[in-house]
Amino acid sequence: MARGKVQMRRIENPVHRQVTFCKRRMGLLKKAKELSVLCDADIGVIVFSPHGKIYELATNGNMQGLIERYKNKSNLPEAQAESNEQNIPQVIQQDVLLLRQEVDLLQNSLRYMYGERDISHMNLGELQSLESNLEVWVNNIRSTKMQIMSREIEMLKNKEGILKAANDILQERELVQD
């Protein structure tokens, strides 16, 4: 039996998600070991499970040794690495600011869509953004609607086939009784 294409999205069922995590983690670690053996490469893999458990693989030596080797080869002086760590709060603050602006824009768009605000006060950019969002949403709605209708049509065709078969059986019984 051929495998179907797997959609890359979160698996909703927690049991299936855990099973997939375990299988894929083992596959990843196996591939890393094979690459190490075939190509004589030093490989380090770190995987954090959704529950916070750490899985690691260091093909030659230990993980700490590989991390030290990486730090030495990455050409980042310690002073530069420390200054990068000090800049992290500023980067986070900028990200928070951008996310707040995006949330405000989306909330305003929703208010306009639901008629809570008059769109005559919107500027051209806001109107174009709202229009493109509406077009995307309409296309998604139409696509979902078509999928549902296709499934219902298929179910009705199956039901029609069952009813035809039942009708044929009843007609045969009627002919036999006559």
C-alpha atoms as a PDB file:
ATOM      1  CA  MET A   1       0.000   0.000   0.000  1.00  0.00           C
ATOM      2  CA  ALA A   2       1.402   3.401  -0.982  1.00  0.00           C
ATOM      3  CA  ARG A   3       1.749   6.155   1.569  1.00  0.00           C
ATOM      4  CA  GLY A   4      -0.352   9.266   1.142  1.00  0.00           C
ATOM      5  CA  LYS A   5       1.038  12.758   1.313  1.00  0.00           C
ATOM      6  CA  VAL A   6       1.132  14.000   4.912  1.00  0.00           C
ATOM      7  CA  GLN A   7      -0.203  17.481   5.496  1.00  0.00           C
ATOM      8  CA  MET A   8       2.231  19.536   7.562  1.00  0.00           C
ATOM      9  CA  ARG A   9      -0.013  20.772  10.330  1.00  0.00           C
ATOM     10  CA  ARG A  10      -0.428  20.073  14.017  1.00  0.00           C
ATOM     11  CA  ILE A  11      -1.929  16.678  14.837  1.00  0.00           C
ATOM     12  CA  GLU A  12      -4.983  17.363  17.007  1.00  0.00           C
ATOM     13  CA  ASN A  13      -5.348  13.902  18.578  1.00  0.00           C
ATOM     14  CA  PRO A  14      -2.844  13.789  21.473  1.00  0.00           C
ATOM     15  CA  VAL A  15      -2.319  10.017  21.228  1.00  0.00           C
ATOM     16  CA  HIS A  16      -1.604  10.173  17.481  1.00  0.00           C
ATOM     17  CA  ARG A  17       0.620  13.217  18.046  1.00  0.00           C
ATOM     18  CA  GLN A  18       2.688  11.368  20.689  1.00  0.00           C
ATOM     19  CA  VAL A  19       3.024   8.261  18.513  1.00  0.00           C
ATOM     20  CA  THR A  20       4.106  10.375  15.530  1.00  0.00           C
ATOM     21  CA  PHE A  21       6.586  12.279  17.709  1.00  0.00           C
ATOM     22  CA  CYS A  22       8.182   9.040  18.922  1.00  0.00           C
ATOM     23  CA  LYS A  23       8.394   7.495  15.453  1.00  0.00           C
ATOM     24  CA  ARG A  24       9.763  10.614  13.783  1.00  0.00           C
ATOM     25  CA  ARG A  25      12.224  11.279  16.616  1.00  0.00           C
ATOM     26  CA  MET A  26      13.584   7.761  16.245  1.00  0.00           C
ATOM     27  CA  GLY A  27      13.774   8.205  12.464  1.00  0.00           C
ATOM     28  CA  LEU A  28      15.648  11.497  12.853  1.00  0.00           C
ATOM     29  CA  LEU A  29      18.146   9.982  15.279  1.00  0.00           C
ATOM     30  CA  LYS A  30      18.614   6.941  13.046  1.00  0.00           C
ATOM     31  CA  LYS A  31      19.313   9.155  10.011  1.00  0.00           C
ATOM     32  CA  ALA A  32      21.825  11.186  12.032  1.00  0.00           C
ATOM     33  CA  LYS A  33      23.667   8.010  13.076  1.00  0.00           C
ATOM     34  CA  GLU A  34      23.693   6.748   9.484  1.00  0.00           C
ATOM     35  CA  LEU A  35      25.057  10.076   8.220  1.00  0.00           C
ATOM     36  CA  SER A  36      27.758   9.937  10.870  1.00  0.00           C
ATOM     37  CA  VAL A  37      28.805   6.401   9.921  1.00  0.00           C
ATOM     38  CA  LEU A  38      28.604   6.871   6.160  1.00  0.00           C
ATOM     39  CA  CYS A  39      30.322  10.248   5.980  1.00  0.00           C
ATOM     40  CA  ASP A  40      32.479  10.155   9.121  1.00  0.00           C
ATOM     41  CA  ALA A  41      30.788  13.344  10.355  1.00  0.00           C
ATOM     42  CA  ASP A  42      30.442  14.510  13.944  1.00  0.00           C
ATOM     43  CA  ILE A  43      26.735  15.107  14.521  1.00  0.00           C
ATOM     44  CA  GLY A  44      24.814  16.474  17.466  1.00  0.00           C
ATOM     45  CA  VAL A  45      21.001  16.453  17.633  1.00  0.00           C
ATOM     46  CA  ILE A  46      18.889  17.860  20.461  1.00  0.00           C
ATOM     47  CA  VAL A  47      15.127  17.297  20.571  1.00  0.00           C
ATOM     48  CA  PHE A  48      12.766  18.704  23.211  1.00  0.00           C
ATOM     49  CA  SER A  49       9.518  16.776  23.562  1.00  0.00           C
ATOM     50  CA  PRO A  50       6.207  18.611  24.027  1.00  0.00           C
ATOM     51  CA  HIS A  51       6.381  17.498  27.679  1.00  0.00           C
ATOM     52  CA  GLY A  52       9.838  19.025  28.162  1.00  0.00           C
ATOM     53  CA  LYS A  53      11.890  15.836  28.010  1.00  0.00           C
ATOM     54  CA  ILE A  54      15.269  16.166  26.259  1.00  0.00           C
ATOM     55  CA  TYR A  55      16.511  13.638  23.713  1.00  0.00           C
ATOM     56  CA  GLU A  56      20.027  14.079  22.420  1.00  0.00           C
ATOM     57  CA  LEU A  57      22.501  12.308  20.210  1.00  0.00           C
ATOM     58  CA  ALA A  58      26.212  13.025  19.935  1.00  0.00           C
ATOM     59  CA  THR A  59      27.837  10.635  17.479  1.00  0.00           C
ATOM     60  CA  ASN A  60      31.461  11.171  18.520  1.00  0.00           C
ATOM     61  CA  GLY A  61      32.182  12.110  22.110  1.00  0.00           C
ATOM     62  CA  ASN A  62      29.536  13.957  24.080  1.00  0.00           C
ATOM     63  CA  MET A  63      27.128  16.795  23.374  1.00  0.00           C
ATOM     64  CA  GLN A  64      29.028  19.312  25.517  1.00  0.00           C
ATOM     65  CA  GLY A  65      32.179  18.653  23.478  1.00  0.00           C
ATOM     66  CA  LEU A  66      30.293  19.232  20.223  1.00  0.00           C
ATOM     67  CA  ILE A  67      28.777  22.462  21.555  1.00  0.00           C
ATOM     68  CA  GLU A  68      32.214  23.735  22.622  1.00  0.00           C
ATOM     69  CA  ARG A  69      33.593  22.860  19.194  1.00  0.00           C
ATOM     70  CA  TYR A  70      30.709  24.742  17.570  1.00  0.00           C
ATOM     71  CA  LYS A  71      31.336  27.818  19.710  1.00  0.00           C
ATOM     72  CA  ASN A  72      35.025  27.792  18.819  1.00  0.00           C
ATOM     73  CA  LYS A  73      34.350  27.415  15.073  1.00  0.00           C
ATOM     74  CA  SER A  74      31.501  29.902  14.832  1.00  0.00           C
ATOM     75  CA  ASN A  75      33.881  32.923  15.003  1.00  0.00           C
ATOM     76  CA  LEU A  76      31.797  34.687  17.631  1.00  0.00           C
ATOM     77  CA  PRO A  77      34.025  36.255  20.257  1.00  0.00           C
ATOM     78  CA  GLU A  78      32.706  35.937  23.811  1.00  0.00           C
ATOM     79  CA  ALA A  79      32.235  39.717  24.120  1.00  0.00           C
ATOM     80  CA  GLN A  80      30.060  39.765  21.016  1.00  0.00           C
ATOM     81  CA  ALA A  81      28.041  36.801  22.287  1.00  0.00           C
ATOM     82  CA  GLU A  82      27.464  38.573  25.626  1.00  0.00           C
ATOM     83  CA  SER A  83      26.400  41.818  23.916  1.00  0.00           C
ATOM     84  CA  ASN A  84      23.964  39.813  21.794  1.00  0.00           C
ATOM     85  CA  GLU A  85      22.496  38.381  25.000  1.00  0.00           C
ATOM     86  CA  GLN A  86      22.100  41.909  26.396  1.00  0.00           C
ATOM     87  CA  ASN A  87      20.253  43.011  23.228  1.00  0.00           C
ATOM     88  CA  ILE A  88      17.655  40.267  23.620  1.00  0.00           C
ATOM     89  CA  PRO A  89      15.320  42.342  25.862  1.00  0.00           C
ATOM     90  CA  GLN A  90      15.311  45.155  23.276  1.00  0.00           C
ATOM     91  CA  VAL A  91      14.525  42.718  20.486  1.00  0.00           C
ATOM     92  CA  ILE A  92      11.706  41.217  22.548  1.00  0.00           C
ATOM     93  CA  GLN A  93      10.287  44.686  23.258  1.00  0.00           C
ATOM     94  CA  GLN A  94      10.334  45.488  19.531  1.00  0.00           C
ATOM     95  CA  ASP A  95       8.597  42.195  18.748  1.00  0.00           C
ATOM     96  CA  VAL A  96       5.947  42.895  21.385  1.00  0.00           C
ATOM     97  CA  LEU A  97       5.356  46.361  19.937  1.00  0.00           C
ATOM     98  CA  LEU A  98       4.986  44.987  16.401  1.00  0.00           C
ATOM     99  CA  LEU A  99       2.626  42.261  17.593  1.00  0.00           C
ATOM    100  CA  ARG A 100       0.472  44.797  19.469  1.00  0.00           C
ATOM    101  CA  GLN A 101       0.223  46.931  16.332  1.00  0.00           C
ATOM    102  CA  GLU A 102      -0.784  43.873  14.313  1.00  0.00           C
ATOM    103  CA  VAL A 103      -3.410  42.896  16.901  1.00  0.00           C
ATOM    104  CA  ASP A 104      -4.819  46.451  16.863  1.00  0.00           C
ATOM    105  CA  LEU A 105      -4.997  46.395  13.070  1.00  0.00           C
ATOM    106  CA  LEU A 106      -6.768  43.024  13.071  1.00  0.00           C
ATOM    107  CA  GLN A 107      -9.202  44.111  15.786  1.00  0.00           C
ATOM    108  CA  ASN A 108     -10.038  47.260  13.827  1.00  0.00           C
ATOM    109  CA  SER A 109     -10.544  45.195  10.682  1.00  0.00           C
ATOM    110  CA  LEU A 110     -12.933  42.905  12.535  1.00  0.00           C
ATOM    111  CA  ARG A 111     -14.865  45.877  13.910  1.00  0.00           C
ATOM    112  CA  TYR A 112     -15.218  47.295  10.410  1.00  0.00           C
ATOM    113  CA  MET A 113     -16.289  43.902   9.049  1.00  0.00           C
ATOM    114  CA  TYR A 114     -18.967  43.473  11.698  1.00  0.00           C
ATOM    115  CA  GLY A 115     -20.235  46.995  11.129  1.00  0.00           C
ATOM    116  CA  GLU A 116     -19.183  48.291  14.530  1.00  0.00           C
ATOM    117  CA  ARG A 117     -17.319  51.157  12.858  1.00  0.00           C
ATOM    118  CA  ASP A 118     -17.979  53.301   9.827  1.00  0.00           C
ATOM    119  CA  ILE A 119     -15.518  52.515   7.032  1.00  0.00           C
ATOM    120  CA  SER A 120     -15.661  56.083   5.720  1.00  0.00           C
ATOM    121  CA  HIS A 121     -12.997  56.986   8.309  1.00  0.00           C
ATOM    122  CA  MET A 122     -10.508  54.422   6.981  1.00  0.00           C
ATOM    123  CA  ASN A 123      -7.550  55.483   4.869  1.00  0.00           C
ATOM    124  CA  LEU A 124      -6.721  53.884   1.519  1.00  0.00           C
ATOM    125  CA  GLY A 125      -4.192  51.427   2.959  1.00  0.00           C
ATOM    126  CA  GLU A 126      -6.616  50.211   5.612  1.00  0.00           C
ATOM    127  CA  LEU A 127      -9.353  49.794   3.011  1.00  0.00           C
ATOM    128  CA  GLN A 128      -7.058  47.816   0.715  1.00  0.00           C
ATOM    129  CA  SER A 129      -5.923  45.628   3.615  1.00  0.00           C
ATOM    130  CA  LEU A 130      -9.527  45.012   4.664  1.00  0.00           C
ATOM    131  CA  GLU A 131     -10.495  44.216   1.067  1.00  0.00           C
ATOM    132  CA  SER A 132      -7.667  41.704   0.614  1.00  0.00           C
ATOM    133  CA  ASN A 133      -8.495  40.042   3.952  1.00  0.00           C
ATOM    134  CA  LEU A 134     -12.145  39.791   2.963  1.00  0.00           C
ATOM    135  CA  GLU A 135     -11.201  38.235  -0.391  1.00  0.00           C
ATOM    136  CA  VAL A 136      -9.028  35.633   1.349  1.00  0.00           C
ATOM    137  CA  TRP A 137     -11.778  34.849   3.858  1.00  0.00           C
ATOM    138  CA  VAL A 138     -14.425  34.575   1.127  1.00  0.00           C
ATOM    139  CA  ASN A 139     -12.183  32.223  -0.876  1.00  0.00           C
ATOM    140  CA  ASN A 140     -11.580  30.069   2.214  1.00  0.00           C
ATOM    141  CA  ILE A 141     -15.301  29.963   2.946  1.00  0.00           C
ATOM    142  CA  ARG A 142     -16.117  29.014  -0.651  1.00  0.00           C
ATOM    143  CA  SER A 143     -13.458  26.317  -0.651  1.00  0.00           C
ATOM    144  CA  THR A 144     -14.754  24.808   2.599  1.00  0.00           C
ATOM    145  CA  LYS A 145     -18.329  25.026   1.330  1.00  0.00           C
ATOM    146  CA  MET A 146     -17.371  23.216  -1.889  1.00  0.00           C
ATOM    147  CA  GLN A 147     -15.614  20.462   0.061  1.00  0.00           C
ATOM    148  CA  ILE A 148     -18.667  19.945   2.256  1.00  0.00           C
ATOM    149  CA  MET A 149     -20.994  19.936  -0.753  1.00  0.00           C
ATOM    150  CA  SER A 150     -18.755  17.421  -2.558  1.00  0.00           C
ATOM    151  CA  ARG A 151     -18.817  15.117   0.470  1.00  0.00           C
ATOM    152  CA  GLU A 152     -22.605  15.406   0.707  1.00  0.00           C
ATOM    153  CA  ILE A 153     -22.995  14.690  -3.013  1.00  0.00           C
ATOM    154  CA  GLU A 154     -20.783  11.615  -2.649  1.00  0.00           C
ATOM    155  CA  MET A 155     -22.844  10.425   0.334  1.00  0.00           C
ATOM    156  CA  LEU A 156     -26.075  10.953  -1.614  1.00  0.00           C
ATOM    157  CA  LYS A 157     -24.663   8.990  -4.578  1.00  0.00           C
ATOM    158  CA  ASN A 158     -23.768   6.139  -2.235  1.00  0.00           C
ATOM    159  CA  LYS A 159     -27.230   6.284  -0.684  1.00  0.00           C
ATOM    160  CA  GLU A 160     -28.777   6.290  -4.189  1.00  0.00           C
ATOM    161  CA  GLY A 161     -26.782   3.166  -5.067  1.00  0.00           C
ATOM    162  CA  ILE A 162     -27.947   1.420  -1.896  1.00  0.00           C
ATOM    163  CA  LEU A 163     -31.571   2.381  -2.547  1.00  0.00           C
ATOM    164  CA  LYS A 164     -31.363   1.184  -6.170  1.00  0.00           C
ATOM    165  CA  ALA A 165     -29.959  -2.151  -5.020  1.00  0.00           C
ATOM    166  CA  ALA A 166     -32.695  -2.485  -2.411  1.00  0.00           C
ATOM    167  CA  ASN A 167     -35.322  -1.577  -5.028  1.00  0.00           C
ATOM    168  CA  ASP A 168     -33.939  -4.205  -7.424  1.00  0.00           C
ATOM    169  CA  ILE A 169     -34.110  -6.844  -4.683  1.00  0.00           C
ATOM    170  CA  LEU A 170     -37.692  -5.892  -3.854  1.00  0.00           C
ATOM    171  CA  GLN A 171     -38.690  -6.017  -7.537  1.00  0.00           C
ATOM    172  CA  GLU A 172     -37.139  -9.487  -7.872  1.00  0.00           C
ATOM    173  CA  ARG A 173     -39.045 -10.703  -4.838  1.00  0.00           C
ATOM    174  CA  GLU A 174     -42.279  -9.302  -6.284  1.00  0.00           C
ATOM    175  CA  LEU A 175     -41.653 -11.113  -9.584  1.00  0.00           C
ATOM    176  CA  VAL A 176     -40.923 -14.363  -7.741  1.00  0.00           C
ATOM    177  CA  GLN A 177     -44.190 -14.062  -5.738  1.00  0.00           C
ATOM    178  CA  ASP A 178     -46.260 -13.508  -8.891  1.00  0.00           C
END
